[in-house]
Amino acid sequence: MALEPGESVLDMGCGAGSIAIPLAQAGHPVIAADFSPAMLGTLDAGIEYYGLEELITPLELAWDDDWDLVGPVAKAVDVAFASRSVTTTNLKGALAKLDRTARRRCAVTMVANSSPRYDLHLMSAIGASVTCSNGFVYAFNILIQMGALPQVTYFGSPRRDTFDSLEAGVADFSRMLEHGNEDKIDRLRDYIAQHMIENPHAGEPGSKGVPQGRYMLDHVRKVRWAFIAWEPVSAPSS
């Protein structure tokens, strides 16, 4: 995000604070906004644990709320961003809300292939269809229409799914078999049986803090993301 020292930030869709807390620890005042009270409750615990009460301001806020009533005021922060959290049916409105809130820079991170819920390698191997997401393309085009000059960077996010038995793996991965793929369950079971290997890190904390399972697949699941940044085009309110 090319943050400068001490710049203030809006972290929209902050969740439990996985970005807001490190930013505050680096000296950035953060408005940490999320629609989920449960997430904000976890964030509050993190704020107290790290002693960041003076730097993080939690805010219950959804994309579809009227930001003129409950959101941060126009040009309230130097940088406004939403990392993997643009979940709204009004993408143009969401981008405009970030734009109005930031003085210097805005950014969003959006998936650039299929949903993170899918393992593209596995789905291709069993002949299942996957709909790819073009939301980042729409976001780019909307920003162009708004008069911005968006910059796009792509990066990959590796993921390892672990499980304790063949049937546990089938139960976990079967969540991907939707939208006409429900009849691929036997192919899924065969694939997992052929490609499950011992997990050398079994029992260690995983990405979400829960212990990793005994097995994993012999390939790394990769999710591709698009990081889109732009200079705000909306004028400060008079």
Protein backbone atom coordinates (compact mmCIF):
# COMPACT_ATOMS: atom_id res chain seq x y z
CA MET A 1 0.00 0.00 0.00
CA ALA A 2 3.06 2.25 0.04
CA LEU A 3 2.20 3.56 3.48
CA GLU A 4 4.20 6.47 4.80
CA PRO A 5 5.21 6.69 8.49
CA GLY A 6 2.33 7.58 10.78
CA GLU A 7 -0.35 7.65 8.10
CA SER A 8 -3.89 6.91 9.23
CA VAL A 9 -5.75 3.95 7.72
CA LEU A 10 -9.26 2.57 7.23
CA ASP A 11 -9.22 -1.23 7.26
CA MET A 12 -12.66 -2.09 5.86
CA GLY A 13 -13.65 -5.67 6.61
CA CYS A 14 -10.94 -5.94 9.22
CA GLY A 15 -12.16 -9.23 10.69
CA ALA A 16 -10.28 -10.09 13.87
CA GLY A 17 -7.50 -7.59 13.09
CA SER A 18 -4.92 -9.64 11.19
CA ILE A 19 -3.87 -6.49 9.32
CA ALA A 20 -5.13 -3.75 11.64
CA ILE A 21 -3.07 -4.93 14.62
CA PRO A 22 0.31 -5.09 12.79
CA LEU A 23 -0.40 -1.68 11.22
CA ALA A 24 -1.11 -0.18 14.64
CA GLN A 25 2.01 -1.81 16.05
CA ALA A 26 3.92 -0.05 13.27
CA GLY A 27 2.53 3.30 14.43
CA HIS A 28 -0.45 3.79 12.13
CA PRO A 29 -3.78 5.00 13.58
CA VAL A 30 -6.40 2.55 12.28
CA ILE A 31 -10.17 2.69 11.92
CA ALA A 32 -10.93 -1.05 11.94
CA ALA A 33 -14.40 -1.58 10.48
CA ASP A 34 -16.40 -4.78 10.13
CA PHE A 35 -20.07 -5.75 9.97
CA SER A 36 -19.63 -8.67 12.39
CA PRO A 37 -19.91 -7.97 16.12
CA ALA A 38 -18.23 -11.33 16.79
CA MET A 39 -15.19 -10.35 14.73
CA LEU A 40 -15.03 -6.98 16.44
CA GLY A 41 -15.21 -8.73 19.80
CA THR A 42 -12.14 -10.77 18.88
CA LEU A 43 -10.46 -7.58 17.65
CA ASP A 44 -11.22 -5.88 20.98
CA ALA A 45 -9.43 -8.72 22.79
CA GLY A 46 -6.41 -8.26 20.54
CA ILE A 47 -6.39 -4.53 21.07
CA GLU A 48 -6.36 -5.03 24.84
CA TYR A 49 -3.74 -7.79 24.66
CA TYR A 50 -1.29 -5.66 22.65
CA GLY A 51 -2.17 -2.37 24.34
CA LEU A 52 -3.31 -0.62 21.16
CA GLU A 53 -6.33 1.24 22.53
CA GLU A 54 -4.87 4.60 21.44
CA LEU A 55 -4.24 3.49 17.86
CA ILE A 56 -7.17 1.28 16.81
CA THR A 57 -10.76 2.53 16.65
CA PRO A 58 -13.20 -0.37 16.09
CA LEU A 59 -16.31 0.45 14.07
CA GLU A 60 -19.32 -1.76 13.28
CA LEU A 61 -19.93 -0.97 9.61
CA ALA A 62 -21.20 -2.81 6.52
CA TRP A 63 -20.63 -1.94 2.88
CA ASP A 64 -24.34 -1.36 2.34
CA ASP A 65 -24.74 0.96 5.33
CA ASP A 66 -25.24 4.67 4.77
CA TRP A 67 -21.69 5.85 5.44
CA ASP A 68 -22.88 9.46 5.67
CA LEU A 69 -24.71 8.40 8.84
CA VAL A 70 -22.56 5.67 10.42
CA GLY A 71 -19.30 5.58 8.46
CA PRO A 72 -16.09 7.58 8.74
CA VAL A 73 -16.37 11.15 7.48
CA ALA A 74 -15.11 12.10 4.04
CA LYS A 75 -11.31 12.18 3.79
CA ALA A 76 -11.03 10.85 7.34
CA VAL A 77 -7.85 8.84 6.69
CA ASP A 78 -4.79 8.94 4.51
CA VAL A 79 -5.28 5.42 3.12
CA ALA A 80 -8.45 3.32 2.83
CA PHE A 81 -8.32 -0.34 1.88
CA ALA A 82 -10.29 -3.58 1.89
CA SER A 83 -8.24 -6.79 1.87
CA ARG A 84 -10.20 -9.81 0.55
CA SER A 85 -13.36 -8.33 2.07
CA VAL A 86 -15.30 -6.63 -0.74
CA THR A 87 -18.51 -8.59 -0.18
CA THR A 88 -21.35 -6.53 -1.63
CA THR A 89 -23.74 -6.52 -4.56
CA ASN A 90 -22.92 -2.84 -5.17
CA LEU A 91 -19.25 -2.92 -6.15
CA LYS A 92 -19.29 0.59 -7.60
CA GLY A 93 -20.77 1.95 -4.39
CA ALA A 94 -18.17 0.15 -2.28
CA LEU A 95 -15.26 1.49 -4.31
CA ALA A 96 -16.75 4.99 -4.16
CA LYS A 97 -17.02 4.75 -0.37
CA LEU A 98 -13.33 3.88 -0.04
CA ASP A 99 -12.50 6.70 -2.45
CA ARG A 100 -14.46 9.30 -0.46
CA THR A 101 -12.83 8.24 2.81
CA ALA A 102 -9.17 8.44 1.71
CA ARG A 103 -7.02 11.52 1.23
CA ARG A 104 -4.05 9.92 -0.56
CA ARG A 105 -4.51 6.29 -1.58
CA CYS A 106 -7.06 3.46 -1.82
CA ALA A 107 -6.63 -0.26 -2.38
CA VAL A 108 -8.59 -3.50 -2.59
CA THR A 109 -7.46 -7.11 -2.80
CA MET A 110 -9.81 -9.37 -4.76
CA VAL A 111 -9.63 -12.96 -5.92
CA ALA A 112 -8.29 -13.28 -9.49
CA ASN A 113 -9.27 -16.82 -10.45
CA SER A 114 -11.84 -18.94 -8.62
CA SER A 115 -13.20 -18.61 -5.11
CA PRO A 116 -10.66 -19.45 -2.36
CA ARG A 117 -13.08 -22.20 -1.39
CA TYR A 118 -12.04 -24.26 -4.42
CA ASP A 119 -8.93 -26.30 -5.17
CA LEU A 120 -8.58 -25.75 -8.92
CA HIS A 121 -6.03 -28.56 -9.33
CA LEU A 122 -8.30 -31.07 -7.63
CA MET A 123 -11.45 -29.89 -9.40
CA SER A 124 -9.76 -30.20 -12.80
CA ALA A 125 -8.45 -33.67 -11.96
CA ILE A 126 -11.92 -35.02 -11.18
CA GLY A 127 -13.60 -33.27 -14.12
CA ALA A 128 -15.60 -30.80 -12.05
CA SER A 129 -16.53 -27.37 -13.37
CA VAL A 130 -15.54 -24.16 -11.61
CA THR A 131 -16.79 -20.66 -12.25
CA CYS A 132 -13.97 -18.14 -12.12
CA SER A 133 -14.49 -14.75 -10.53
CA ASN A 134 -14.17 -11.63 -12.67
CA GLY A 135 -14.92 -9.20 -9.86
CA PHE A 136 -11.44 -7.70 -10.03
CA VAL A 137 -11.96 -6.94 -13.74
CA TYR A 138 -15.22 -5.16 -12.96
CA ALA A 139 -13.49 -3.23 -10.18
CA PHE A 140 -10.73 -2.11 -12.56
CA ASN A 141 -13.25 -0.97 -15.18
CA ILE A 142 -15.40 0.83 -12.61
CA LEU A 143 -12.35 2.73 -11.35
CA ILE A 144 -11.45 3.74 -14.91
CA GLN A 145 -15.01 5.03 -15.36
CA MET A 146 -14.65 6.95 -12.10
CA GLY A 147 -11.59 8.70 -13.55
CA ALA A 148 -8.96 6.81 -11.55
CA LEU A 149 -5.77 5.23 -12.90
CA PRO A 150 -5.73 1.90 -11.04
CA GLN A 151 -2.55 -0.11 -10.68
CA VAL A 152 -2.82 -3.91 -10.49
CA THR A 153 -0.39 -6.40 -8.95
CA TYR A 154 -0.99 -10.15 -8.80
CA PHE A 155 0.23 -12.51 -6.10
CA GLY A 156 -0.37 -16.09 -5.08
CA SER A 157 -1.50 -17.38 -1.71
CA PRO A 158 -0.56 -21.03 -0.97
CA ARG A 159 -2.88 -23.13 1.18
CA ARG A 160 -2.58 -26.58 2.69
CA ASP A 161 -5.75 -28.45 3.62
CA THR A 162 -5.14 -31.15 6.23
CA PHE A 163 -7.37 -33.94 7.54
CA ASP A 164 -7.17 -36.97 9.83
CA SER A 165 -8.60 -39.71 7.58
CA LEU A 166 -9.79 -40.40 4.04
CA GLU A 167 -13.42 -39.92 4.99
CA ALA A 168 -12.63 -36.71 6.86
CA GLY A 169 -10.88 -35.42 3.74
CA VAL A 170 -13.83 -36.38 1.55
CA ALA A 171 -16.22 -34.64 3.93
CA ASP A 172 -14.07 -31.51 3.91
CA PHE A 173 -13.47 -31.28 0.17
CA SER A 174 -17.04 -32.24 -0.74
CA ARG A 175 -18.00 -28.65 0.12
CA MET A 176 -16.54 -27.79 -3.31
CA LEU A 177 -18.98 -30.09 -5.12
CA GLU A 178 -21.82 -27.72 -5.81
CA HIS A 179 -23.50 -26.14 -8.83
CA GLY A 180 -23.83 -29.39 -10.77
CA ASN A 181 -20.74 -31.17 -9.44
CA GLU A 182 -22.51 -33.16 -6.73
CA ASP A 183 -22.21 -36.39 -8.76
CA LYS A 184 -18.39 -36.25 -8.58
CA ILE A 185 -18.19 -37.50 -5.00
CA ASP A 186 -16.82 -40.94 -5.98
CA ARG A 187 -14.14 -39.35 -8.19
CA LEU A 188 -13.29 -37.05 -5.30
CA ARG A 189 -12.85 -39.99 -2.92
CA ASP A 190 -10.65 -41.84 -5.46
CA TYR A 191 -8.50 -38.75 -6.02
CA ILE A 192 -7.96 -38.13 -2.31
CA ALA A 193 -7.15 -41.79 -1.70
CA GLN A 194 -4.45 -41.67 -4.40
CA HIS A 195 -2.96 -38.30 -3.45
CA MET A 196 -3.12 -38.12 0.36
CA ILE A 197 0.27 -38.13 2.07
CA GLU A 198 1.53 -37.90 5.64
CA ASN A 199 1.60 -34.36 7.01
CA PRO A 200 5.02 -33.76 8.64
CA HIS A 201 3.50 -30.90 10.67
CA ALA A 202 0.52 -32.83 12.05
CA GLY A 203 -0.61 -31.45 15.40
CA GLU A 204 1.06 -28.08 14.93
CA PRO A 205 -1.13 -24.96 14.77
CA GLY A 206 -2.49 -24.35 11.28
CA SER A 207 -3.26 -21.06 9.56
CA LYS A 208 -6.37 -20.56 11.70
CA GLY A 209 -4.74 -21.72 14.91
CA VAL A 210 -6.34 -25.19 15.01
CA PRO A 211 -4.09 -28.29 15.03
CA GLN A 212 -3.20 -29.64 11.59
CA GLY A 213 -4.46 -33.08 10.57
CA ARG A 214 -2.45 -36.26 9.95
CA TYR A 215 -2.73 -36.07 6.16
CA MET A 216 -2.61 -33.58 3.32
CA LEU A 217 -2.72 -33.73 -0.47
CA ASP A 218 0.49 -34.01 -2.49
CA HIS A 219 0.03 -30.60 -4.09
CA VAL A 220 -0.24 -27.07 -2.71
CA ARG A 221 -3.54 -25.30 -3.34
CA LYS A 222 -2.90 -21.84 -4.76
CA VAL A 223 -5.23 -18.88 -4.80
CA ARG A 224 -4.40 -15.95 -7.08
CA TRP A 225 -5.25 -12.45 -5.92
CA ALA A 226 -5.31 -9.03 -7.58
CA PHE A 227 -4.14 -6.03 -5.55
CA ILE A 228 -5.67 -2.88 -7.05
CA ALA A 229 -4.53 0.55 -5.85
CA TRP A 230 -5.48 4.04 -6.95
CA GLU A 231 -5.33 7.70 -5.95
CA PRO A 232 -8.71 9.04 -4.78
CA VAL A 233 -10.63 11.00 -7.38
CA SER A 234 -13.44 12.35 -5.16
CA ALA A 235 -13.07 15.89 -3.90
CA PRO A 236 -13.18 16.75 -0.17
CA SER A 237 -16.67 17.75 0.96
CA SER A 238 -17.09 21.47 1.51
